[in-house]
N, C-alpha and C. Protein backbone atom coordinates (compact mmCIF):
# COMPACT_ATOMS: atom_id res chain seq x y z
N MET A 1 -48.98 -13.85 16.45
CA MET A 1 -47.27 -13.57 17.41
C MET A 1 -46.81 -14.02 16.66
N LYS A 2 -46.83 -15.24 15.78
CA LYS A 2 -45.83 -15.64 15.07
C LYS A 2 -44.28 -14.61 13.95
N ASN A 3 -46.09 -13.90 13.23
CA ASN A 3 -45.82 -12.96 12.44
C ASN A 3 -44.68 -12.21 13.41
N ASN A 4 -45.20 -11.98 14.38
CA ASN A 4 -43.72 -10.30 15.45
C ASN A 4 -42.76 -11.16 15.57
N ALA A 5 -43.34 -11.91 15.43
CA ALA A 5 -41.59 -13.33 16.04
C ALA A 5 -40.24 -13.14 14.37
N ASN A 6 -40.81 -12.87 13.76
CA ASN A 6 -40.28 -13.28 12.33
C ASN A 6 -39.88 -12.53 11.62
N GLN A 7 -40.47 -10.63 12.41
CA GLN A 7 -40.11 -9.29 11.75
C GLN A 7 -39.45 -9.25 13.60
N TRP A 8 -39.80 -9.42 14.04
CA TRP A 8 -38.10 -9.53 15.52
C TRP A 8 -36.97 -9.78 15.10
N ARG A 9 -37.16 -11.09 14.11
CA ARG A 9 -35.85 -12.03 14.08
C ARG A 9 -34.80 -10.07 12.86
N VAL A 10 -35.38 -10.13 11.77
CA VAL A 10 -35.61 -9.63 10.81
C VAL A 10 -34.71 -8.60 11.77
N PHE A 11 -35.53 -7.68 11.79
CA PHE A 11 -35.08 -6.19 11.58
C PHE A 11 -33.22 -6.58 13.31
N LYS A 12 -33.36 -7.95 13.97
CA LYS A 12 -32.21 -8.03 14.44
C LYS A 12 -31.12 -8.30 13.34
N ARG A 13 -31.20 -9.25 12.69
CA ARG A 13 -30.41 -9.65 11.76
C ARG A 13 -30.58 -8.17 11.03
N LEU A 14 -30.62 -7.03 10.53
CA LEU A 14 -31.09 -5.94 10.05
C LEU A 14 -29.87 -5.43 10.49
N MET A 15 -30.44 -5.14 12.32
CA MET A 15 -29.51 -4.49 13.34
C MET A 15 -27.60 -4.89 13.11
N SER A 16 -27.60 -6.01 12.72
CA SER A 16 -26.43 -6.95 12.82
C SER A 16 -25.36 -6.13 11.76
N TYR A 17 -26.17 -5.48 10.60
CA TYR A 17 -25.73 -4.97 9.87
C TYR A 17 -24.36 -3.45 9.87
N LEU A 18 -25.28 -3.05 11.85
CA LEU A 18 -24.67 -1.91 12.19
C LEU A 18 -23.80 -2.36 12.75
N LYS A 19 -23.44 -2.69 12.76
CA LYS A 19 -21.97 -3.92 13.73
C LYS A 19 -20.52 -2.73 13.73
N PRO A 20 -20.33 -3.17 12.05
CA PRO A 20 -18.72 -2.51 12.05
C PRO A 20 -18.83 -1.34 11.20
N TYR A 21 -20.15 -0.47 11.33
CA TYR A 21 -19.81 1.02 11.16
C TYR A 21 -21.15 1.75 12.57
N LYS A 22 -20.36 1.21 13.33
CA LYS A 22 -20.47 1.56 15.07
C LYS A 22 -19.98 2.50 15.40
N PHE A 23 -19.00 2.99 15.42
CA PHE A 23 -18.12 4.27 15.40
C PHE A 23 -19.01 5.27 14.75
N LEU A 24 -19.49 5.62 13.36
CA LEU A 24 -20.13 6.50 12.52
C LEU A 24 -21.42 6.86 13.48
N THR A 25 -21.66 5.20 13.36
CA THR A 25 -22.96 5.11 13.71
C THR A 25 -23.61 6.02 15.11
N ALA A 26 -22.33 5.86 15.85
CA ALA A 26 -22.91 6.78 17.50
C ALA A 26 -21.98 8.53 17.27
N LEU A 27 -21.14 8.47 16.29
CA LEU A 27 -21.25 9.68 16.09
C LEU A 27 -21.97 10.62 15.63
N ALA A 28 -23.41 9.48 14.84
CA ALA A 28 -24.18 10.28 14.32
C ALA A 28 -25.03 10.32 15.05
N LEU A 29 -25.01 9.90 16.08
CA LEU A 29 -26.15 10.24 16.82
C LEU A 29 -26.20 11.31 18.60
N GLY A 30 -24.63 10.51 18.45
CA GLY A 30 -24.14 11.63 19.43
C GLY A 30 -24.45 13.31 18.30
N LEU A 31 -24.27 13.54 17.49
CA LEU A 31 -24.69 14.75 16.27
C LEU A 31 -25.99 14.80 16.88
N LEU A 32 -26.61 14.46 16.39
CA LEU A 32 -28.37 14.10 16.62
C LEU A 32 -28.81 14.94 17.87
N LEU A 33 -27.95 14.26 19.17
CA LEU A 33 -28.68 14.88 20.62
C LEU A 33 -28.38 15.83 20.27
N LEU A 34 -26.33 16.36 20.61
CA LEU A 34 -26.20 17.51 19.82
C LEU A 34 -27.08 19.09 19.35
N THR A 35 -27.29 18.04 18.71
CA THR A 35 -28.68 19.52 17.37
C THR A 35 -29.97 19.79 18.47
N THR A 36 -30.24 18.79 19.26
CA THR A 36 -31.32 18.40 18.94
C THR A 36 -31.04 19.65 21.09
N VAL A 37 -29.92 19.62 21.84
CA VAL A 37 -29.62 20.65 22.82
C VAL A 37 -29.59 21.87 21.85
N VAL A 38 -28.33 21.76 20.66
CA VAL A 38 -29.05 23.39 20.83
C VAL A 38 -29.81 24.13 19.99
N LYS A 39 -30.81 23.11 19.84
CA LYS A 39 -32.27 23.33 19.61
C LYS A 39 -33.10 24.21 20.90
N SER A 40 -32.72 23.57 21.62
CA SER A 40 -33.07 23.98 22.48
C SER A 40 -32.92 24.97 23.14
N LEU A 41 -31.44 24.91 22.79
CA LEU A 41 -31.07 26.29 23.32
C LEU A 41 -31.36 28.01 22.86
N ILE A 42 -31.92 27.56 21.64
CA ILE A 42 -31.77 28.93 20.88
C ILE A 42 -33.05 29.53 21.54
N PRO A 43 -34.14 29.39 21.43
CA PRO A 43 -35.36 29.88 22.44
C PRO A 43 -34.85 30.58 23.95
N LEU A 44 -34.00 30.32 24.60
CA LEU A 44 -33.95 29.94 26.01
C LEU A 44 -32.39 31.44 26.13
N ILE A 45 -32.01 31.40 25.06
CA ILE A 45 -31.50 32.52 24.88
C ILE A 45 -31.66 34.38 23.68
N ALA A 46 -32.49 33.23 23.34
CA ALA A 46 -33.94 34.37 22.61
C ALA A 46 -34.21 35.06 24.09
N SER A 47 -34.95 34.60 24.65
CA SER A 47 -35.83 34.38 26.24
C SER A 47 -34.95 34.92 27.30
N TYR A 48 -34.10 35.40 27.21
CA TYR A 48 -32.69 35.71 28.17
C TYR A 48 -32.19 37.21 27.59
N PHE A 49 -32.49 37.38 26.62
CA PHE A 49 -32.31 38.48 25.57
C PHE A 49 -33.55 38.95 25.97
N ILE A 50 -34.08 38.56 25.20
CA ILE A 50 -35.99 39.44 25.86
C ILE A 50 -36.08 40.00 27.13
N ASP A 51 -35.42 39.68 28.36
CA ASP A 51 -35.87 39.66 29.43
C ASP A 51 -34.71 40.86 29.83
N HIS A 52 -33.71 40.64 29.68
CA HIS A 52 -32.45 41.85 30.07
C HIS A 52 -31.85 42.95 29.41
N PHE A 53 -32.38 42.31 28.03
CA PHE A 53 -31.56 43.94 26.65
C PHE A 53 -32.49 43.90 25.65
N LEU A 54 -33.92 43.81 26.30
CA LEU A 54 -34.49 44.32 25.00
C LEU A 54 -35.12 45.83 25.25
N THR A 55 -35.20 46.54 26.03
CA THR A 55 -35.13 47.77 26.66
C THR A 55 -33.38 48.51 26.66
N ASP A 56 -32.68 47.82 26.84
CA ASP A 56 -30.60 48.74 27.11
C ASP A 56 -30.21 47.92 26.20
N MET A 57 -29.78 48.64 25.24
CA MET A 57 -29.19 47.61 24.17
C MET A 57 -27.65 47.96 24.60
N ASN A 58 -26.86 47.25 24.73
CA ASN A 58 -25.02 47.35 24.52
C ASN A 58 -24.84 46.49 24.42
N GLN A 59 -23.10 46.31 24.70
CA GLN A 59 -22.76 45.86 23.81
C GLN A 59 -23.07 44.46 24.30
N THR A 60 -23.26 43.96 24.99
CA THR A 60 -23.61 42.89 25.73
C THR A 60 -24.50 42.00 25.08
N ALA A 61 -25.73 42.94 24.78
CA ALA A 61 -26.15 42.80 24.07
C ALA A 61 -26.55 42.36 22.88
N MET A 62 -25.65 43.01 21.91
CA MET A 62 -25.52 43.19 20.70
C MET A 62 -24.11 41.56 20.98
N LEU A 63 -23.53 41.48 22.01
CA LEU A 63 -22.97 40.02 21.89
C LEU A 63 -23.64 38.49 22.04
N ILE A 64 -24.97 38.90 23.10
CA ILE A 64 -25.65 37.44 23.25
C ILE A 64 -26.73 37.29 21.44
N LEU A 65 -26.98 38.09 20.59
CA LEU A 65 -27.22 38.49 19.60
C LEU A 65 -26.94 37.99 18.41
N VAL A 66 -25.07 38.00 18.22
CA VAL A 66 -23.95 37.46 17.55
C VAL A 66 -24.12 36.15 17.74
N GLY A 67 -24.48 35.81 19.38
CA GLY A 67 -24.61 34.54 19.29
C GLY A 67 -25.86 34.11 19.16
N TYR A 68 -26.83 34.55 19.44
CA TYR A 68 -28.65 33.69 18.96
C TYR A 68 -28.27 33.34 17.51
N TYR A 69 -27.44 33.83 16.68
CA TYR A 69 -27.74 33.50 15.40
C TYR A 69 -26.07 32.84 14.82
N LEU A 70 -25.41 33.02 15.51
CA LEU A 70 -24.75 31.93 15.29
C LEU A 70 -24.49 30.44 15.85
N MET A 71 -25.35 30.78 16.89
CA MET A 71 -26.46 29.50 17.18
C MET A 71 -27.34 28.60 16.23
N TYR A 72 -28.14 29.26 15.86
CA TYR A 72 -28.37 28.47 14.67
C TYR A 72 -27.48 28.40 13.01
N VAL A 73 -26.67 28.97 13.05
CA VAL A 73 -25.12 28.46 12.05
C VAL A 73 -24.80 27.22 12.71
N LEU A 74 -24.41 26.66 14.32
CA LEU A 74 -24.04 25.88 14.46
C LEU A 74 -25.12 24.36 14.01
N GLN A 75 -25.84 24.75 14.67
CA GLN A 75 -27.36 23.92 14.23
C GLN A 75 -27.70 23.34 13.25
N THR A 76 -27.34 23.83 12.30
CA THR A 76 -27.59 23.82 10.49
C THR A 76 -26.29 22.79 10.35
N LEU A 77 -25.09 22.69 11.32
CA LEU A 77 -23.20 22.43 10.63
C LEU A 77 -24.16 21.23 11.08
N ILE A 78 -23.70 21.01 12.37
CA ILE A 78 -24.30 20.08 12.75
C ILE A 78 -25.90 18.63 12.49
N GLN A 79 -26.22 19.83 12.41
CA GLN A 79 -27.81 18.82 11.69
C GLN A 79 -26.67 18.02 10.31
N TYR A 80 -26.28 18.86 10.00
CA TYR A 80 -25.59 18.40 8.18
C TYR A 80 -24.76 16.94 8.61
N PHE A 81 -24.04 17.16 9.22
CA PHE A 81 -23.41 16.07 9.20
C PHE A 81 -23.98 15.26 10.05
N GLY A 82 -24.50 15.76 11.33
CA GLY A 82 -25.68 13.73 11.69
C GLY A 82 -25.75 13.32 10.14
N ASN A 83 -26.76 13.90 9.43
CA ASN A 83 -27.24 13.68 8.90
C ASN A 83 -26.43 12.83 7.62
N PHE A 84 -25.35 13.90 7.05
CA PHE A 84 -24.27 12.97 6.32
C PHE A 84 -23.54 11.74 7.02
N PHE A 85 -23.90 11.40 8.47
CA PHE A 85 -23.46 10.25 8.96
C PHE A 85 -24.08 9.09 8.79
N PHE A 86 -25.75 9.55 8.86
CA PHE A 86 -26.37 8.87 8.67
C PHE A 86 -26.39 8.04 7.06
N ALA A 87 -26.79 8.91 6.69
CA ALA A 87 -26.26 8.55 4.78
C ALA A 87 -25.81 7.54 4.39
N ARG A 88 -24.29 7.88 5.26
CA ARG A 88 -22.94 7.18 4.70
C ARG A 88 -23.11 5.91 5.82
N VAL A 89 -23.84 5.71 6.76
CA VAL A 89 -23.70 4.44 7.67
C VAL A 89 -24.58 3.56 6.80
N SER A 90 -26.40 4.16 5.85
CA SER A 90 -27.08 3.45 5.45
C SER A 90 -27.12 2.73 4.33
N TYR A 91 -25.85 4.18 3.55
CA TYR A 91 -25.65 3.20 1.59
C TYR A 91 -24.30 2.32 2.66
N SER A 92 -23.36 2.18 2.93
CA SER A 92 -22.74 1.03 3.95
C SER A 92 -23.49 -0.13 4.05
N ILE A 93 -24.82 0.62 4.62
CA ILE A 93 -25.44 -1.15 4.96
C ILE A 93 -26.51 -1.78 3.93
N VAL A 94 -26.84 -0.83 3.20
CA VAL A 94 -27.52 -1.56 1.96
C VAL A 94 -26.04 -2.04 0.67
N ARG A 95 -24.97 -1.61 0.97
CA ARG A 95 -23.80 -1.96 0.06
C ARG A 95 -23.79 -3.98 0.42
N ASP A 96 -23.25 -3.96 1.85
CA ASP A 96 -23.53 -4.93 1.87
C ASP A 96 -24.76 -5.89 2.31
N ILE A 97 -25.70 -5.32 2.57
CA ILE A 97 -26.93 -6.28 2.11
C ILE A 97 -26.55 -6.82 0.22
N ARG A 98 -26.69 -5.70 -0.62
CA ARG A 98 -26.31 -6.05 -1.57
C ARG A 98 -25.17 -7.11 -1.49
N ARG A 99 -23.67 -6.82 -1.76
CA ARG A 99 -22.98 -8.07 -1.53
C ARG A 99 -23.78 -9.51 -1.54
N ASP A 100 -24.00 -9.17 -0.12
CA ASP A 100 -24.33 -10.51 0.69
C ASP A 100 -25.72 -11.20 -0.47
N ALA A 101 -26.50 -10.28 -1.14
CA ALA A 101 -27.77 -10.89 -1.96
C ALA A 101 -26.62 -11.92 -3.33
N PHE A 102 -25.75 -10.71 -3.82
CA PHE A 102 -25.63 -11.42 -4.50
C PHE A 102 -24.51 -13.00 -3.96
N ALA A 103 -24.00 -12.68 -3.20
CA ALA A 103 -22.99 -14.05 -3.08
C ALA A 103 -24.13 -15.31 -3.08
N ASN A 104 -25.42 -14.19 -2.10
CA ASN A 104 -25.97 -15.64 -1.91
C ASN A 104 -26.65 -16.25 -3.77
N MET A 105 -27.53 -15.34 -4.05
CA MET A 105 -27.46 -15.81 -5.60
C MET A 105 -26.49 -16.48 -6.49
N GLU A 106 -25.14 -16.23 -6.59
CA GLU A 106 -24.40 -16.96 -7.03
C GLU A 106 -24.55 -18.07 -6.82
N LYS A 107 -24.60 -18.52 -5.32
CA LYS A 107 -25.06 -19.90 -4.87
C LYS A 107 -26.15 -21.27 -5.48
N LEU A 108 -27.16 -20.09 -5.98
CA LEU A 108 -28.10 -20.57 -6.45
C LEU A 108 -28.59 -21.85 -7.59
N GLY A 109 -28.73 -22.46 -8.03
CA GLY A 109 -28.71 -23.08 -9.03
C GLY A 109 -29.37 -23.52 -10.05
N MET A 110 -29.22 -23.18 -11.33
CA MET A 110 -29.43 -22.72 -12.59
C MET A 110 -31.69 -22.90 -12.82
N ALA A 111 -31.58 -23.90 -12.04
CA ALA A 111 -33.11 -24.14 -12.26
C ALA A 111 -34.10 -22.94 -11.33
N TYR A 112 -33.53 -22.55 -10.33
CA TYR A 112 -33.77 -21.25 -9.63
C TYR A 112 -34.01 -19.42 -10.75
N PHE A 113 -32.70 -19.96 -11.84
CA PHE A 113 -33.19 -19.11 -12.60
C PHE A 113 -34.09 -19.22 -13.81
N ASP A 114 -34.77 -21.01 -14.31
CA ASP A 114 -34.62 -20.77 -14.81
C ASP A 114 -36.27 -20.27 -14.99
N LYS A 115 -36.75 -20.54 -13.33
CA LYS A 115 -37.95 -20.82 -13.41
C LYS A 115 -38.44 -18.96 -13.23
N THR A 116 -37.10 -17.77 -12.71
CA THR A 116 -37.84 -16.59 -11.87
C THR A 116 -36.54 -15.92 -13.10
N PRO A 117 -37.92 -14.87 -13.22
CA PRO A 117 -36.73 -13.83 -14.64
C PRO A 117 -36.41 -12.77 -14.00
N ALA A 118 -35.33 -12.89 -14.92
CA ALA A 118 -34.51 -11.81 -14.46
C ALA A 118 -34.80 -10.60 -13.93
N GLY A 119 -35.71 -9.98 -14.22
CA GLY A 119 -36.17 -8.41 -13.74
C GLY A 119 -36.46 -8.66 -12.12
N SER A 120 -37.24 -9.50 -12.05
CA SER A 120 -38.00 -9.62 -11.40
C SER A 120 -36.90 -10.05 -10.15
N ILE A 121 -35.94 -10.65 -9.76
CA ILE A 121 -34.89 -10.63 -9.20
C ILE A 121 -34.29 -9.69 -8.92
N VAL A 122 -33.53 -8.51 -10.19
CA VAL A 122 -33.07 -7.38 -9.90
C VAL A 122 -34.13 -6.23 -9.24
N SER A 123 -35.22 -6.36 -9.92
CA SER A 123 -36.25 -5.64 -8.93
C SER A 123 -36.25 -5.97 -7.64
N ARG A 124 -36.48 -7.10 -7.12
CA ARG A 124 -37.14 -7.39 -5.73
C ARG A 124 -35.31 -6.92 -5.14
N ILE A 125 -34.41 -7.35 -5.33
CA ILE A 125 -33.01 -6.71 -4.50
C ILE A 125 -33.09 -5.16 -4.84
N THR A 126 -33.74 -4.06 -5.22
CA THR A 126 -32.88 -3.39 -5.50
C THR A 126 -34.19 -2.23 -4.43
N ASN A 127 -35.69 -2.73 -5.31
CA ASN A 127 -36.56 -2.56 -3.58
C ASN A 127 -36.51 -2.07 -2.25
N ASP A 128 -36.16 -4.06 -2.32
CA ASP A 128 -35.76 -4.18 -0.52
C ASP A 128 -34.61 -3.25 -0.44
N THR A 129 -33.65 -3.18 -0.88
CA THR A 129 -32.48 -2.74 0.02
C THR A 129 -33.14 -0.91 0.20
N GLU A 130 -33.57 -0.64 -1.16
CA GLU A 130 -34.16 1.31 -0.83
C GLU A 130 -34.72 1.58 0.27
N ALA A 131 -35.08 0.06 0.40
CA ALA A 131 -36.59 0.11 1.38
C ALA A 131 -35.76 0.21 2.69
N ILE A 132 -34.61 -0.58 2.46
CA ILE A 132 -33.76 -0.71 4.02
C ILE A 132 -32.85 0.68 4.15
N SER A 133 -32.56 1.21 2.96
CA SER A 133 -31.82 2.75 3.51
C SER A 133 -32.79 3.38 3.26
N ASP A 134 -33.20 3.98 3.35
CA ASP A 134 -34.90 4.94 3.49
C ASP A 134 -35.31 4.24 5.49
N MET A 135 -35.73 2.89 5.77
CA MET A 135 -35.39 3.09 7.14
C MET A 135 -33.81 3.78 8.05
N PHE A 136 -33.12 2.77 7.42
CA PHE A 136 -31.84 3.18 8.75
C PHE A 136 -31.67 4.83 8.21
N SER A 137 -31.72 5.17 7.66
CA SER A 137 -31.39 6.62 7.08
C SER A 137 -32.72 7.66 7.40
N GLY A 138 -33.97 7.41 7.47
CA GLY A 138 -35.13 7.90 7.69
C GLY A 138 -35.59 7.61 8.41
N LEU A 139 -36.87 6.69 8.40
CA LEU A 139 -37.22 6.12 10.13
C LEU A 139 -36.31 6.33 11.12
N LEU A 140 -35.25 5.08 11.42
CA LEU A 140 -34.65 5.55 12.61
C LEU A 140 -34.55 6.47 13.40
N SER A 141 -33.53 7.26 12.37
CA SER A 141 -32.85 8.82 12.95
C SER A 141 -33.95 9.65 13.23
N SER A 142 -35.01 9.23 12.45
CA SER A 142 -36.68 10.26 12.61
C SER A 142 -36.68 9.27 14.44
N PHE A 143 -37.13 8.40 14.63
CA PHE A 143 -37.29 7.70 15.78
C PHE A 143 -36.70 8.49 16.51
N ILE A 144 -35.32 8.17 16.67
CA ILE A 144 -34.18 8.49 17.59
C ILE A 144 -34.44 9.96 18.21
N SER A 145 -34.28 10.94 16.85
CA SER A 145 -34.70 12.07 17.32
C SER A 145 -35.44 12.72 17.93
N ALA A 146 -36.56 11.92 17.88
CA ALA A 146 -37.59 12.33 18.77
C ALA A 146 -37.67 11.74 20.23
N ILE A 147 -36.94 11.00 20.17
CA ILE A 147 -36.89 10.49 21.11
C ILE A 147 -35.91 11.15 22.04
N PHE A 148 -34.79 12.02 21.24
CA PHE A 148 -33.99 13.06 21.54
C PHE A 148 -34.47 14.71 22.24
N ILE A 149 -35.38 14.95 21.06
CA ILE A 149 -36.33 16.18 21.20
C ILE A 149 -37.17 16.57 22.76
N PHE A 150 -38.31 14.81 22.90
CA PHE A 150 -38.52 14.13 23.79
C PHE A 150 -37.86 14.85 25.05
N SER A 151 -36.77 14.07 25.13
CA SER A 151 -36.17 13.86 26.85
C SER A 151 -35.78 15.71 26.74
N VAL A 152 -35.04 16.04 26.22
CA VAL A 152 -34.06 17.63 25.94
C VAL A 152 -35.32 18.44 26.54
N THR A 153 -36.40 18.22 25.35
CA THR A 153 -37.97 19.56 25.43
C THR A 153 -38.35 19.27 27.38
N LEU A 154 -38.16 17.36 27.73
CA LEU A 154 -38.60 17.59 29.73
C LEU A 154 -37.95 18.40 30.24
N LEU A 155 -36.26 18.19 29.96
CA LEU A 155 -35.57 18.58 30.48
C LEU A 155 -35.43 19.54 30.94
N THR A 156 -35.48 20.64 29.65
CA THR A 156 -35.35 21.74 29.37
C THR A 156 -36.84 22.23 30.31
N MET A 157 -38.22 22.24 29.94
CA MET A 157 -38.96 22.34 30.78
C MET A 157 -39.09 22.64 32.64
N LEU A 158 -37.83 21.02 32.88
CA LEU A 158 -37.67 21.73 34.63
C LEU A 158 -37.20 21.49 35.27
N LYS A 159 -36.31 22.60 33.93
CA LYS A 159 -35.19 23.93 34.71
C LYS A 159 -36.08 24.93 34.76
N LEU A 160 -36.96 25.33 33.92
CA LEU A 160 -37.49 26.78 33.89
C LEU A 160 -39.09 26.66 35.27
N ASN A 161 -40.22 25.36 34.39
CA ASN A 161 -40.66 25.33 35.75
C ASN A 161 -41.30 23.75 36.20
N ALA A 162 -40.44 23.57 36.90
CA ALA A 162 -40.17 22.11 37.84
C ALA A 162 -42.22 21.95 37.77
N THR A 163 -43.09 23.03 38.98
CA THR A 163 -44.76 22.66 38.81
C THR A 163 -45.62 22.55 37.18
N LEU A 164 -44.86 23.64 36.66
CA LEU A 164 -45.30 23.35 35.40
C LEU A 164 -45.37 22.63 34.13
N THR A 165 -44.10 21.90 34.72
CA THR A 165 -43.67 21.13 33.81
C THR A 165 -44.58 19.20 34.60
N ALA A 166 -45.13 18.70 35.93
CA ALA A 166 -45.56 18.34 36.59
C ALA A 166 -47.23 18.16 35.60
N TRP A 167 -47.46 19.04 35.71
CA TRP A 167 -48.88 19.26 35.34
C TRP A 167 -49.16 18.58 33.51
N VAL A 168 -48.00 19.30 33.34
CA VAL A 168 -48.22 18.86 31.60
C VAL A 168 -47.85 17.85 32.07
N LEU A 169 -47.08 16.54 32.20
CA LEU A 169 -47.01 15.36 32.53
C LEU A 169 -48.78 14.27 33.18
N ILE A 170 -48.86 15.25 33.76
CA ILE A 170 -50.55 15.06 34.29
C ILE A 170 -50.99 14.64 33.05
N PHE A 171 -51.33 15.99 32.41
CA PHE A 171 -51.95 15.84 31.10
C PHE A 171 -51.85 15.46 29.95
N LEU A 172 -50.16 14.96 29.59
CA LEU A 172 -49.93 14.30 27.99
C LEU A 172 -50.37 13.28 28.35
N PRO A 173 -50.87 12.07 29.43
CA PRO A 173 -51.32 10.98 28.21
C PRO A 173 -53.01 11.27 27.33
N PHE A 174 -53.36 11.70 28.64
CA PHE A 174 -55.02 12.36 27.98
C PHE A 174 -55.26 13.07 27.04
N PHE A 175 -53.87 13.71 26.45
CA PHE A 175 -53.59 14.45 25.33
C PHE A 175 -52.94 13.02 24.29
N LEU A 176 -52.97 12.58 24.50
CA LEU A 176 -52.03 11.77 23.50
C LEU A 176 -53.92 10.50 22.83
N CYS A 177 -53.63 10.24 24.00
CA CYS A 177 -55.79 9.60 23.54
C CYS A 177 -56.10 10.23 23.09
N PHE A 178 -55.92 11.18 23.30
CA PHE A 178 -57.64 12.55 22.33
C PHE A 178 -57.20 12.42 21.15
N ALA A 179 -55.60 12.59 20.22
CA ALA A 179 -55.32 13.26 19.61
C ALA A 179 -54.83 11.66 18.89
N HIS A 180 -54.75 10.35 19.03
CA HIS A 180 -55.21 8.91 19.29
C HIS A 180 -56.40 8.85 18.28
N GLN A 181 -57.37 9.08 19.39
CA GLN A 181 -58.87 8.75 18.51
C GLN A 181 -59.07 9.32 17.37
N ARG A 182 -58.19 11.00 17.48
CA ARG A 182 -58.90 11.19 16.18
C ARG A 182 -58.14 11.02 15.09
N GLN A 183 -57.76 10.50 15.07
CA GLN A 183 -56.91 9.16 13.65
C GLN A 183 -57.49 8.02 13.15
């Protein structure tokens, strides 16, 4: 229990480094959500095209096809900028952590440096800050993206067929338990 409390304290401390970058983080999250919405719209556009225009190609059908391909371009651009802003926040946080670590090292006495090899200190700071960078740019964005994808997919399913969505939600816990047991 003490280990969980310590991990939570460390996590909160790491999250405090996000405060100066609230705007960029919110922008990255917004772009991540927008990417998820666009990803969900693409199959709906394809479905509409197949249902209404597959046998009757006209100017409207061509416009829908062009819009369909432009949605892929839009998705790619939004995803690129979302990843760009997440990476920028991540590297800014790592820079701040390294500055704080260096300021803390300057306060240490010479006895510490006599006992600890210099390579060990540099290696630990470098490896720890890279792990933190990976957490912010990779794990955190992937976790939030998964939540957005699940939510938007669920809303889309509800819009398309509420009864079928209810059945899926009833059996979803069983599928999750089965998948967890296989691992």
